PDB file of N, CA and C in Angstrom:
ATOM      1  N   UNK A   1     113.869 136.272 151.340  1.00  0.00           N
ATOM      2  CA  UNK A   1     113.085 135.983 150.158  1.00  0.00           C
ATOM      3  C   UNK A   1     112.393 137.241 149.628  1.00  0.00           C
ATOM      4  N   UNK A   2     111.776 138.026 150.497  1.00  0.00           N
ATOM      5  CA  UNK A   2     111.087 139.237 150.063  1.00  0.00           C
ATOM      6  C   UNK A   2     111.992 140.444 150.242  1.00  0.00           C
ATOM      7  N   UNK A   3     112.002 141.306 149.252  1.00  0.00           N
ATOM      8  CA  UNK A   3     112.761 142.542 149.337  1.00  0.00           C
ATOM      9  C   UNK A   3     111.932 143.569 150.096  1.00  0.00           C
ATOM     10  N   UNK A   4     112.619 144.503 150.717  1.00  0.00           N
ATOM     11  CA  UNK A   4     111.934 145.593 151.398  1.00  0.00           C
ATOM     12  C   UNK A   4     111.304 146.496 150.339  1.00  0.00           C
ATOM     13  N   UNK A   5     110.105 147.000 150.606  1.00  0.00           N
ATOM     14  CA  UNK A   5     109.442 147.883 149.656  1.00  0.00           C
ATOM     15  C   UNK A   5     110.140 149.232 149.601  1.00  0.00           C
ATOM     16  N   UNK A   6     110.222 149.775 148.427  1.00  0.00           N
ATOM     17  CA  UNK A   6     110.776 151.110 148.235  1.00  0.00           C
ATOM     18  C   UNK A   6     109.858 152.138 148.874  1.00  0.00           C
ATOM     19  N   UNK A   7     110.434 153.251 149.287  1.00  0.00           N
ATOM     20  CA  UNK A   7     109.606 154.336 149.838  1.00  0.00           C
ATOM     21  C   UNK A   7     108.715 154.947 148.765  1.00  0.00           C
ATOM     22  N   UNK A   8     108.973 154.622 147.488  1.00  0.00           N
ATOM     23  CA  UNK A   8     108.148 155.120 146.387  1.00  0.00           C
ATOM     24  C   UNK A   8     106.908 154.267 146.140  1.00  0.00           C
ATOM     25  N   UNK A   9     106.809 153.137 146.825  1.00  0.00           N
ATOM     26  CA  UNK A   9     105.645 152.260 146.697  1.00  0.00           C
ATOM     27  C   UNK A   9     104.594 152.722 147.696  1.00  0.00           C
ATOM     28  N   UNK A  10     103.379 152.904 147.190  1.00  0.00           N
ATOM     29  CA  UNK A  10     102.290 153.371 148.041  1.00  0.00           C
ATOM     30  C   UNK A  10     101.290 152.238 148.236  1.00  0.00           C
ATOM     31  N   UNK A  11     101.125 151.797 149.473  1.00  0.00           N
ATOM     32  CA  UNK A  11     100.090 150.841 149.828  1.00  0.00           C
ATOM     33  C   UNK A  11      99.061 151.629 150.628  1.00  0.00           C
ATOM     34  N   UNK A  12      97.793 151.536 150.244  1.00  0.00           N
ATOM     35  CA  UNK A  12      96.794 152.375 150.910  1.00  0.00           C
ATOM     36  C   UNK A  12      95.451 151.657 151.018  1.00  0.00           C
ATOM     37  N   UNK A  13      94.631 152.193 151.866  1.00  0.00           N
ATOM     38  CA  UNK A  13      93.247 151.743 151.977  1.00  0.00           C
ATOM     39  C   UNK A  13      92.501 152.223 150.731  1.00  0.00           C
ATOM     40  N   UNK A  14      91.294 151.715 150.492  1.00  0.00           N
ATOM     41  CA  UNK A  14      90.522 152.200 149.344  1.00  0.00           C
ATOM     42  C   UNK A  14      90.384 153.726 149.387  1.00  0.00           C
ATOM     43  N   UNK A  15      90.435 154.324 148.180  1.00  0.00           N
ATOM     44  CA  UNK A  15      90.341 155.779 148.083  1.00  0.00           C
ATOM     45  C   UNK A  15      89.261 156.159 147.078  1.00  0.00           C
ATOM     46  N   UNK A  16      88.897 157.424 147.068  1.00  0.00           N
ATOM     47  CA  UNK A  16      87.887 157.919 146.128  1.00  0.00           C
ATOM     48  C   UNK A  16      88.384 157.906 144.693  1.00  0.00           C
ATOM     49  N   UNK A  17      87.440 157.988 143.758  1.00  0.00           N
ATOM     50  CA  UNK A  17      87.760 157.859 142.339  1.00  0.00           C
ATOM     51  C   UNK A  17      88.716 158.951 141.848  1.00  0.00           C
ATOM     52  N   UNK A  18      88.486 160.190 142.199  1.00  0.00           N
ATOM     53  CA  UNK A  18      89.332 161.287 141.715  1.00  0.00           C
ATOM     54  C   UNK A  18      90.765 161.109 142.215  1.00  0.00           C
ATOM     55  N   UNK A  19      90.920 160.779 143.493  1.00  0.00           N
ATOM     56  CA  UNK A  19      92.263 160.532 144.035  1.00  0.00           C
ATOM     57  C   UNK A  19      92.902 159.317 143.360  1.00  0.00           C
ATOM     58  N   UNK A  20      92.103 158.304 143.101  1.00  0.00           N
ATOM     59  CA  UNK A  20      92.583 157.099 142.422  1.00  0.00           C
ATOM     60  C   UNK A  20      93.107 157.438 141.029  1.00  0.00           C
ATOM     61  N   UNK A  21      92.348 158.197 140.256  1.00  0.00           N
ATOM     62  CA  UNK A  21      92.765 158.565 138.901  1.00  0.00           C
ATOM     63  C   UNK A  21      94.061 159.370 138.949  1.00  0.00           C
ATOM     64  N   UNK A  22      94.190 160.268 139.926  1.00  0.00           N
ATOM     65  CA  UNK A  22      95.416 161.047 140.063  1.00  0.00           C
ATOM     66  C   UNK A  22      96.603 160.113 140.313  1.00  0.00           C
ATOM     67  N   UNK A  23      96.419 159.139 141.200  1.00  0.00           N
ATOM     68  CA  UNK A  23      97.496 158.191 141.485  1.00  0.00           C
ATOM     69  C   UNK A  23      97.864 157.373 140.249  1.00  0.00           C
ATOM     70  N   UNK A  24      96.859 156.899 139.517  1.00  0.00           N
ATOM     71  CA  UNK A  24      97.123 156.118 138.300  1.00  0.00           C
ATOM     72  C   UNK A  24      97.896 156.965 137.301  1.00  0.00           C
ATOM     73  N   UNK A  25      97.414 158.159 137.035  1.00  0.00           N
ATOM     74  CA  UNK A  25      98.035 159.033 136.032  1.00  0.00           C
ATOM     75  C   UNK A  25      99.477 159.367 136.387  1.00  0.00           C
ATOM     76  N   UNK A  26      99.790 159.450 137.664  1.00  0.00           N
ATOM     77  CA  UNK A  26     101.123 159.854 138.096  1.00  0.00           C
ATOM     78  C   UNK A  26     102.024 158.694 138.516  1.00  0.00           C
ATOM     79  N   UNK A  27     101.575 157.469 138.280  1.00  0.00           N
ATOM     80  CA  UNK A  27     102.368 156.291 138.649  1.00  0.00           C
ATOM     81  C   UNK A  27     103.404 155.979 137.576  1.00  0.00           C
ATOM     82  N   UNK A  28     104.541 155.461 137.994  1.00  0.00           N
ATOM     83  CA  UNK A  28     105.547 154.971 137.055  1.00  0.00           C
ATOM     84  C   UNK A  28     105.062 153.664 136.429  1.00  0.00           C
ATOM     85  N   UNK A  29     104.388 152.861 137.239  1.00  0.00           N
ATOM     86  CA  UNK A  29     103.761 151.621 136.776  1.00  0.00           C
ATOM     87  C   UNK A  29     102.782 151.165 137.842  1.00  0.00           C
ATOM     88  N   UNK A  30     101.921 150.241 137.450  1.00  0.00           N
ATOM     89  CA  UNK A  30     100.873 149.753 138.349  1.00  0.00           C
ATOM     90  C   UNK A  30     100.945 148.231 138.388  1.00  0.00           C
ATOM     91  N   UNK A  31     100.799 147.664 139.573  1.00  0.00           N
ATOM     92  CA  UNK A  31     100.636 146.222 139.747  1.00  0.00           C
ATOM     93  C   UNK A  31      99.199 145.998 140.176  1.00  0.00           C
ATOM     94  N   UNK A  32      98.478 145.117 139.487  1.00  0.00           N
ATOM     95  CA  UNK A  32      97.063 144.937 139.805  1.00  0.00           C
ATOM     96  C   UNK A  32      96.567 143.558 139.399  1.00  0.00           C
ATOM     97  N   UNK A  33      95.393 143.214 139.913  1.00  0.00           N
ATOM     98  CA  UNK A  33      94.643 142.074 139.391  1.00  0.00           C
ATOM     99  C   UNK A  33      93.267 142.554 138.938  1.00  0.00           C
ATOM    100  N   UNK A  34      93.059 143.855 138.923  1.00  0.00           N
ATOM    101  CA  UNK A  34      91.763 144.451 138.613  1.00  0.00           C
ATOM    102  C   UNK A  34      91.591 144.749 137.129  1.00  0.00           C
ATOM    103  N   UNK A  35      90.494 144.271 136.553  1.00  0.00           N
ATOM    104  CA  UNK A  35      90.185 144.564 135.155  1.00  0.00           C
ATOM    105  C   UNK A  35      89.950 146.045 134.924  1.00  0.00           C
ATOM    106  N   UNK A  36      89.283 146.697 135.858  1.00  0.00           N
ATOM    107  CA  UNK A  36      89.017 148.125 135.714  1.00  0.00           C
ATOM    108  C   UNK A  36      90.301 148.928 135.680  1.00  0.00           C
ATOM    109  N   UNK A  37      91.256 148.580 136.512  1.00  0.00           N
ATOM    110  CA  UNK A  37      92.530 149.306 136.530  1.00  0.00           C
ATOM    111  C   UNK A  37      93.319 149.035 135.254  1.00  0.00           C
ATOM    112  N   UNK A  38      93.164 147.853 134.675  1.00  0.00           N
ATOM    113  CA  UNK A  38      93.806 147.575 133.389  1.00  0.00           C
ATOM    114  C   UNK A  38      93.304 148.567 132.335  1.00  0.00           C
ATOM    115  N   UNK A  39      92.008 148.849 132.362  1.00  0.00           N
ATOM    116  CA  UNK A  39      91.428 149.804 131.414  1.00  0.00           C
ATOM    117  C   UNK A  39      91.866 151.232 131.716  1.00  0.00           C
ATOM    118  N   UNK A  40      91.792 151.626 132.980  1.00  0.00           N
ATOM    119  CA  UNK A  40      92.176 152.996 133.358  1.00  0.00           C
ATOM    120  C   UNK A  40      93.626 153.263 132.987  1.00  0.00           C
ATOM    121  N   UNK A  41      94.512 152.311 133.260  1.00  0.00           N
ATOM    122  CA  UNK A  41      95.931 152.529 132.961  1.00  0.00           C
ATOM    123  C   UNK A  41      96.170 152.621 131.459  1.00  0.00           C
ATOM    124  N   UNK A  42      95.467 151.822 130.670  1.00  0.00           N
ATOM    125  CA  UNK A  42      95.603 151.923 129.218  1.00  0.00           C
ATOM    126  C   UNK A  42      95.139 153.291 128.740  1.00  0.00           C
ATOM    127  N   UNK A  43      93.972 153.741 129.215  1.00  0.00           N
ATOM    128  CA  UNK A  43      93.459 155.039 128.801  1.00  0.00           C
ATOM    129  C   UNK A  43      94.423 156.166 129.172  1.00  0.00           C
ATOM    130  N   UNK A  44      95.027 156.061 130.352  1.00  0.00           N
ATOM    131  CA  UNK A  44      95.922 157.109 130.841  1.00  0.00           C
ATOM    132  C   UNK A  44      97.384 156.908 130.419  1.00  0.00           C
ATOM    133  N   UNK A  45      97.640 155.866 129.626  1.00  0.00           N
ATOM    134  CA  UNK A  45      98.969 155.565 129.089  1.00  0.00           C
ATOM    135  C   UNK A  45     100.012 155.288 130.165  1.00  0.00           C
ATOM    136  N   UNK A  46      99.598 154.534 131.185  1.00  0.00           N
ATOM    137  CA  UNK A  46     100.504 154.147 132.265  1.00  0.00           C
ATOM    138  C   UNK A  46     100.719 152.630 132.180  1.00  0.00           C
ATOM    139  N   UNK A  47     101.953 152.198 132.312  1.00  0.00           N
ATOM    140  CA  UNK A  47     102.267 150.774 132.241  1.00  0.00           C
ATOM    141  C   UNK A  47     101.609 150.027 133.398  1.00  0.00           C
ATOM    142  N   UNK A  48     101.016 148.885 133.082  1.00  0.00           N
ATOM    143  CA  UNK A  48     100.274 148.097 134.054  1.00  0.00           C
ATOM    144  C   UNK A  48     100.753 146.652 133.993  1.00  0.00           C
ATOM    145  N   UNK A  49     101.098 146.099 135.126  1.00  0.00           N
ATOM    146  CA  UNK A  49     101.461 144.685 135.220  1.00  0.00           C
ATOM    147  C   UNK A  49     100.303 143.975 135.907  1.00  0.00           C
ATOM    148  N   UNK A  50      99.673 143.068 135.165  1.00  0.00           N
ATOM    149  CA  UNK A  50      98.530 142.339 135.705  1.00  0.00           C
ATOM    150  C   UNK A  50      99.000 141.008 136.270  1.00  0.00           C
ATOM    151  N   UNK A  51      98.708 140.809 137.541  1.00  0.00           N
ATOM    152  CA  UNK A  51      99.179 139.650 138.287  1.00  0.00           C
ATOM    153  C   UNK A  51      98.160 138.520 138.223  1.00  0.00           C
ATOM    154  N   UNK A  52      97.800 138.163 137.006  1.00  0.00           N
ATOM    155  CA  UNK A  52      96.857 137.070 136.735  1.00  0.00           C
ATOM    156  C   UNK A  52      97.324 136.345 135.484  1.00  0.00           C
ATOM    157  N   UNK A  53      96.794 135.153 135.287  1.00  0.00           N
ATOM    158  CA  UNK A  53      97.140 134.364 134.103  1.00  0.00           C
ATOM    159  C   UNK A  53      96.267 134.722 132.903  1.00  0.00           C
ATOM    160  N   UNK A  54      95.134 135.393 133.151  1.00  0.00           N
ATOM    161  CA  UNK A  54      94.218 135.750 132.073  1.00  0.00           C
ATOM    162  C   UNK A  54      93.549 137.075 132.409  1.00  0.00           C
ATOM    163  N   UNK A  55      92.846 137.624 131.438  1.00  0.00           N
ATOM    164  CA  UNK A  55      92.146 138.879 131.657  1.00  0.00           C
ATOM    165  C   UNK A  55      90.852 138.907 130.855  1.00  0.00           C
ATOM    166  N   UNK A  56      89.844 139.528 131.435  1.00  0.00           N
ATOM    167  CA  UNK A  56      88.596 139.746 130.702  1.00  0.00           C
ATOM    168  C   UNK A  56      88.681 141.019 129.867  1.00  0.00           C
ATOM    169  N   UNK A  57      89.840 141.670 129.910  1.00  0.00           N
ATOM    170  CA  UNK A  57      90.092 142.900 129.139  1.00  0.00           C
ATOM    171  C   UNK A  57      91.279 142.690 128.194  1.00  0.00           C
ATOM    172  N   UNK A  58      91.211 141.729 127.254  1.00  0.00           N
ATOM    173  CA  UNK A  58      92.373 141.422 126.402  1.00  0.00           C
ATOM    174  C   UNK A  58      92.823 142.597 125.538  1.00  0.00           C
ATOM    175  N   UNK A  59      91.917 143.507 125.223  1.00  0.00           N
ATOM    176  CA  UNK A  59      92.309 144.653 124.398  1.00  0.00           C
ATOM    177  C   UNK A  59      93.359 145.510 125.086  1.00  0.00           C
ATOM    178  N   UNK A  60      93.381 145.478 126.434  1.00  0.00           N
ATOM    179  CA  UNK A  60      94.380 146.261 127.164  1.00  0.00           C
ATOM    180  C   UNK A  60      95.779 145.673 127.000  1.00  0.00           C
ATOM    181  N   UNK A  61      95.848 144.383 126.673  1.00  0.00           N
ATOM    182  CA  UNK A  61      97.132 143.730 126.410  1.00  0.00           C
ATOM    183  C   UNK A  61      97.489 143.901 124.933  1.00  0.00           C
ATOM    184  N   UNK A  62      96.491 143.700 124.059  1.00  0.00           N
ATOM    185  CA  UNK A  62      96.723 143.748 122.611  1.00  0.00           C
ATOM    186  C   UNK A  62      97.051 145.155 122.122  1.00  0.00           C
ATOM    187  N   UNK A  63      96.327 146.149 122.610  1.00  0.00           N
ATOM    188  CA  UNK A  63      96.497 147.519 122.122  1.00  0.00           C
ATOM    189  C   UNK A  63      96.967 148.488 123.202  1.00  0.00           C
ATOM    190  N   UNK A  64      96.863 148.074 124.443  1.00  0.00           N
ATOM    191  CA  UNK A  64      97.114 148.991 125.542  1.00  0.00           C
ATOM    192  C   UNK A  64      98.466 148.825 126.193  1.00  0.00           C
ATOM    193  N   UNK A  65      98.541 149.298 127.411  1.00  0.00           N
ATOM    194  CA  UNK A  65      99.792 149.317 128.170  1.00  0.00           C
ATOM    195  C   UNK A  65      99.871 148.188 129.196  1.00  0.00           C
ATOM    196  N   UNK A  66      98.954 147.235 129.099  1.00  0.00           N
ATOM    197  CA  UNK A  66      98.863 146.153 130.068  1.00  0.00           C
ATOM    198  C   UNK A  66      99.811 145.008 129.722  1.00  0.00           C
ATOM    199  N   UNK A  67     100.550 144.554 130.720  1.00  0.00           N
ATOM    200  CA  UNK A  67     101.459 143.410 130.595  1.00  0.00           C
ATOM    201  C   UNK A  67     100.849 142.285 131.426  1.00  0.00           C
ATOM    202  N   UNK A  68     100.349 141.249 130.788  1.00  0.00           N
ATOM    203  CA  UNK A  68      99.737 140.122 131.484  1.00  0.00           C
ATOM    204  C   UNK A  68     100.858 139.175 131.906  1.00  0.00           C
ATOM    205  N   UNK A  69     101.225 139.188 133.187  1.00  0.00           N
ATOM    206  CA  UNK A  69     102.423 138.504 133.663  1.00  0.00           C
ATOM    207  C   UNK A  69     102.125 137.234 134.449  1.00  0.00           C
ATOM    208  N   UNK A  70     101.055 137.207 135.208  1.00  0.00           N
ATOM    209  CA  UNK A  70     100.779 136.053 136.044  1.00  0.00           C
ATOM    210  C   UNK A  70     101.299 136.265 137.454  1.00  0.00           C
ATOM    211  N   UNK A  71     101.540 135.179 138.171  1.00  0.00           N
ATOM    212  CA  UNK A  71     101.909 135.283 139.584  1.00  0.00           C
ATOM    213  C   UNK A  71     103.340 134.822 139.897  1.00  0.00           C
ATOM    214  N   UNK A  72     104.117 134.533 138.861  1.00  0.00           N
ATOM    215  CA  UNK A  72     105.501 134.114 139.054  1.00  0.00           C
ATOM    216  C   UNK A  72     106.331 135.325 139.493  1.00  0.00           C
ATOM    217  N   UNK A  73     106.873 135.280 140.713  1.00  0.00           N
ATOM    218  CA  UNK A  73     107.601 136.428 141.264  1.00  0.00           C
ATOM    219  C   UNK A  73     108.802 136.829 140.418  1.00  0.00           C
ATOM    220  N   UNK A  74     109.474 135.868 139.820  1.00  0.00           N
ATOM    221  CA  UNK A  74     110.635 136.187 138.979  1.00  0.00           C
ATOM    222  C   UNK A  74     110.188 136.957 137.729  1.00  0.00           C
ATOM    223  N   UNK A  75     109.095 136.521 137.112  1.00  0.00           N
ATOM    224  CA  UNK A  75     108.582 137.215 135.920  1.00  0.00           C
ATOM    225  C   UNK A  75     108.066 138.608 136.280  1.00  0.00           C
ATOM    226  N   UNK A  76     107.449 138.726 137.440  1.00  0.00           N
ATOM    227  CA  UNK A  76     106.955 140.040 137.894  1.00  0.00           C
ATOM    228  C   UNK A  76     108.134 140.981 138.077  1.00  0.00           C
ATOM    229  N   UNK A  77     109.173 140.518 138.757  1.00  0.00           N
ATOM    230  CA  UNK A  77     110.363 141.335 138.980  1.00  0.00           C
ATOM    231  C   UNK A  77     111.002 141.735 137.656  1.00  0.00           C
ATOM    232  N   UNK A  78     111.096 140.799 136.713  1.00  0.00           N
ATOM    233  CA  UNK A  78     111.667 141.100 135.400  1.00  0.00           C
ATOM    234  C   UNK A  78     110.832 142.150 134.669  1.00  0.00           C
ATOM    235  N   UNK A  79     109.517 142.037 134.741  1.00  0.00           N
ATOM    236  CA  UNK A  79     108.637 142.998 134.072  1.00  0.00           C
ATOM    237  C   UNK A  79     108.789 144.390 134.683  1.00  0.00           C
ATOM    238  N   UNK A  80     108.848 144.450 136.002  1.00  0.00           N
ATOM    239  CA  UNK A  80     109.028 145.736 136.686  1.00  0.00           C
ATOM    240  C   UNK A  80     110.338 146.381 136.242  1.00  0.00           C
ATOM    241  N   UNK A  81     111.421 145.632 136.295  1.00  0.00           N
ATOM    242  CA  UNK A  81     112.726 146.182 135.942  1.00  0.00           C
ATOM    243  C   UNK A  81     112.769 146.606 134.475  1.00  0.00           C
ATOM    244  N   UNK A  82     112.153 145.840 133.609  1.00  0.00           N
ATOM    245  CA  UNK A  82     112.116 146.168 132.187  1.00  0.00           C
ATOM    246  C   UNK A  82     111.386 147.498 131.946  1.00  0.00           C
ATOM    247  N   UNK A  83     110.250 147.669 132.600  1.00  0.00           N
ATOM    248  CA  UNK A  83     109.485 148.917 132.462  1.00  0.00           C
ATOM    249  C   UNK A  83     110.282 150.088 133.031  1.00  0.00           C
ATOM    250  N   UNK A  84     110.856 149.910 134.207  1.00  0.00           N
ATOM    251  CA  UNK A  84     111.637 150.987 134.818  1.00  0.00           C
ATOM    252  C   UNK A  84     112.881 151.327 134.001  1.00  0.00           C
ATOM    253  N   UNK A  85     113.356 150.369 133.207  1.00  0.00           N
ATOM    254  CA  UNK A  85     114.490 150.611 132.302  1.00  0.00           C
ATOM    255  C   UNK A  85     114.051 151.251 130.987  1.00  0.00           C
ATOM    256  N   UNK A  86     112.746 151.526 130.861  1.00  0.00           N
ATOM    257  CA  UNK A  86     112.255 152.233 129.674  1.00  0.00           C
ATOM    258  C   UNK A  86     111.669 151.371 128.574  1.00  0.00           C
ATOM    259  N   UNK A  87     111.591 150.070 128.789  1.00  0.00           N
ATOM    260  CA  UNK A  87     111.006 149.186 127.783  1.00  0.00           C
ATOM    261  C   UNK A  87     109.499 149.121 128.018  1.00  0.00           C
ATOM    262  N   UNK A  88     108.804 150.094 127.458  1.00  0.00           N
ATOM    263  CA  UNK A  88     107.371 150.231 127.717  1.00  0.00           C
ATOM    264  C   UNK A  88     106.559 149.924 126.467  1.00  0.00           C
ATOM    265  N   UNK A  89     105.298 149.638 126.691  1.00  0.00           N
ATOM    266  CA  UNK A  89     104.360 149.423 125.594  1.00  0.00           C
ATOM    267  C   UNK A  89     103.702 150.756 125.270  1.00  0.00           C
ATOM    268  N   UNK A  90     103.708 151.116 124.011  1.00  0.00           N
ATOM    269  CA  UNK A  90     102.964 152.289 123.561  1.00  0.00           C
ATOM    270  C   UNK A  90     101.541 151.837 123.313  1.00  0.00           C
ATOM    271  N   UNK A  91     100.593 152.642 123.690  1.00  0.00           N
ATOM    272  CA  UNK A  91      99.213 152.232 123.495  1.00  0.00           C
ATOM    273  C   UNK A  91      98.613 152.877 122.263  1.00  0.00           C
ATOM    274  N   UNK A  92      97.692 152.161 121.665  1.00  0.00           N
ATOM    275  CA  UNK A  92      96.807 152.709 120.650  1.00  0.00           C
ATOM    276  C   UNK A  92      95.473 152.919 121.349  1.00  0.00           C
ATOM    277  N   UNK A  93      94.670 153.814 120.834  1.00  0.00           N
ATOM    278  CA  UNK A  93      93.346 154.003 121.422  1.00  0.00           C
ATOM    279  C   UNK A  93      92.456 152.879 120.899  1.00  0.00           C
ATOM    280  N   UNK A  94      91.979 152.008 121.801  1.00  0.00           N
ATOM    281  CA  UNK A  94      91.098 150.930 121.355  1.00  0.00           C
ATOM    282  C   UNK A  94      89.825 151.471 120.720  1.00  0.00           C
ATOM    283  N   UNK A  95      89.238 150.696 119.801  1.00  0.00           N
ATOM    284  CA  UNK A  95      87.987 151.129 119.169  1.00  0.00           C
ATOM    285  C   UNK A  95      86.938 151.478 120.222  1.00  0.00           C
ATOM    286  N   UNK A  96      86.225 152.546 119.978  1.00  0.00           N
ATOM    287  CA  UNK A  96      85.130 153.023 120.823  1.00  0.00           C
ATOM    288  C   UNK A  96      85.601 153.620 122.142  1.00  0.00           C
ATOM    289  N   UNK A  97      86.905 153.802 122.333  1.00  0.00           N
ATOM    290  CA  UNK A  97      87.419 154.454 123.544  1.00  0.00           C
ATOM    291  C   UNK A  97      87.633 155.938 123.261  1.00  0.00           C
ATOM    292  N   UNK A  98      86.709 156.531 122.549  1.00  0.00           N
ATOM    293  CA  UNK A  98      86.857 157.903 122.091  1.00  0.00           C
ATOM    294  C   UNK A  98      86.046 158.912 122.902  1.00  0.00           C
ATOM    295  N   UNK A  99      85.419 158.463 123.982  1.00  0.00           N
ATOM    296  CA  UNK A  99      84.632 159.376 124.812  1.00  0.00           C
ATOM    297  C   UNK A  99      83.261 159.688 124.252  1.00  0.00           C
ATOM    298  N   UNK A 100      82.835 158.946 123.246  1.00  0.00           N
ATOM    299  CA  UNK A 100      81.552 159.236 122.603  1.00  0.00           C
ATOM    300  C   UNK A 100      80.520 158.128 122.793  1.00  0.00           C
ATOM    301  N   UNK A 101      80.674 157.347 123.840  1.00  0.00           N
ATOM    302  CA  UNK A 101      79.748 156.238 124.092  1.00  0.00           C
ATOM    303  C   UNK A 101      78.317 156.744 124.285  1.00  0.00           C
ATOM    304  N   UNK A 102      78.141 157.794 125.080  1.00  0.00           N
ATOM    305  CA  UNK A 102      76.789 158.328 125.337  1.00  0.00           C
ATOM    306  C   UNK A 102      76.139 158.776 124.031  1.00  0.00           C
ATOM    307  N   UNK A 103      76.920 159.398 123.172  1.00  0.00           N
ATOM    308  CA  UNK A 103      76.418 159.847 121.871  1.00  0.00           C
ATOM    309  C   UNK A 103      75.935 158.657 121.043  1.00  0.00           C
ATOM    310  N   UNK A 104      76.729 157.595 120.993  1.00  0.00           N
ATOM    311  CA  UNK A 104      76.343 156.396 120.225  1.00  0.00           C
ATOM    312  C   UNK A 104      75.112 155.730 120.827  1.00  0.00           C
ATOM    313  N   UNK A 105      75.023 155.695 122.138  1.00  0.00           N
ATOM    314  CA  UNK A 105      73.862 155.099 122.799  1.00  0.00           C
ATOM    315  C   UNK A 105      72.599 155.883 122.450  1.00  0.00           C
ATOM    316  N   UNK A 106      72.684 157.191 122.529  1.00  0.00           N
ATOM    317  CA  UNK A 106      71.521 158.040 122.194  1.00  0.00           C
ATOM    318  C   UNK A 106      71.103 157.846 120.743  1.00  0.00           C
ATOM    319  N   UNK A 107      72.054 157.815 119.832  1.00  0.00           N
ATOM    320  CA  UNK A 107      71.748 157.595 118.412  1.00  0.00           C
ATOM    321  C   UNK A 107      71.037 156.256 118.214  1.00  0.00           C
ATOM    322  N   UNK A 108      71.529 155.218 118.881  1.00  0.00           N
ATOM    323  CA  UNK A 108      70.914 153.890 118.768  1.00  0.00           C
ATOM    324  C   UNK A 108      69.491 153.907 119.315  1.00  0.00           C
ATOM    325  N   UNK A 109      69.290 154.542 120.472  1.00  0.00           N
ATOM    326  CA  UNK A 109      67.947 154.625 121.054  1.00  0.00           C
ATOM    327  C   UNK A 109      66.993 155.380 120.147  1.00  0.00           C
ATOM    328  N   UNK A 110      67.445 156.495 119.604  1.00  0.00           N
ATOM    329  CA  UNK A 110      66.593 157.284 118.699  1.00  0.00           C
ATOM    330  C   UNK A 110      66.237 156.461 117.469  1.00  0.00           C
ATOM    331  N   UNK A 111      67.200 155.760 116.892  1.00  0.00           N
ATOM    332  CA  UNK A 111      66.946 154.906 115.716  1.00  0.00           C
ATOM    333  C   UNK A 111      65.905 153.846 116.050  1.00  0.00           C
ATOM    334  N   UNK A 112      66.042 153.198 117.173  1.00  0.00           N
ATOM    335  CA  UNK A 112      65.090 152.132 117.544  1.00  0.00           C
ATOM    336  C   UNK A 112      63.697 152.681 117.832  1.00  0.00           C
ATOM    337  N   UNK A 113      63.633 153.833 118.465  1.00  0.00           N
ATOM    338  CA  UNK A 113      62.325 154.431 118.767  1.00  0.00           C
ATOM    339  C   UNK A 113      61.630 154.863 117.487  1.00  0.00           C
ATOM    340  N   UNK A 114      62.368 155.448 116.558  1.00  0.00           N
ATOM    341  CA  UNK A 114      61.759 155.954 115.320  1.00  0.00           C
ATOM    342  C   UNK A 114      61.373 154.825 114.357  1.00  0.00           C
ATOM    343  N   UNK A 115      61.923 153.633 114.537  1.00  0.00           N
ATOM    344  CA  UNK A 115      61.590 152.491 113.677  1.00  0.00           C
ATOM    345  C   UNK A 115      60.331 151.765 114.132  1.00  0.00           C
ATOM    346  N   UNK A 116      59.773 152.152 115.251  1.00  0.00           N
ATOM    347  CA  UNK A 116      58.590 151.462 115.773  1.00  0.00           C
ATOM    348  C   UNK A 116      57.376 151.830 115.008  1.00  0.00           C
TER     349      UNK A 116
END
């Protein structure tokens, strides 16, 4: 029933953030149930297969590289093969994913303080 894992599949214990980002950026694709990884993969333009029926990060499906597949093994296998065959989602940069969040927060705080 289960296929043997390829030597290219890496299963590991939790790792630090920098090592994690390197792995995400250099992955052919990612299988996850993590909302954070859905965002990281979209930002880094790496295909992501989410093994859930829903997501709290719908923008990663609508504009990003996230494929919301669920837990059906046949659909997961089909999605993997499709991505490896080059049928990938191109991502757009979601609104406010421009690296300027701190700038906008500071502007908002200054506006609110000066209006008092």
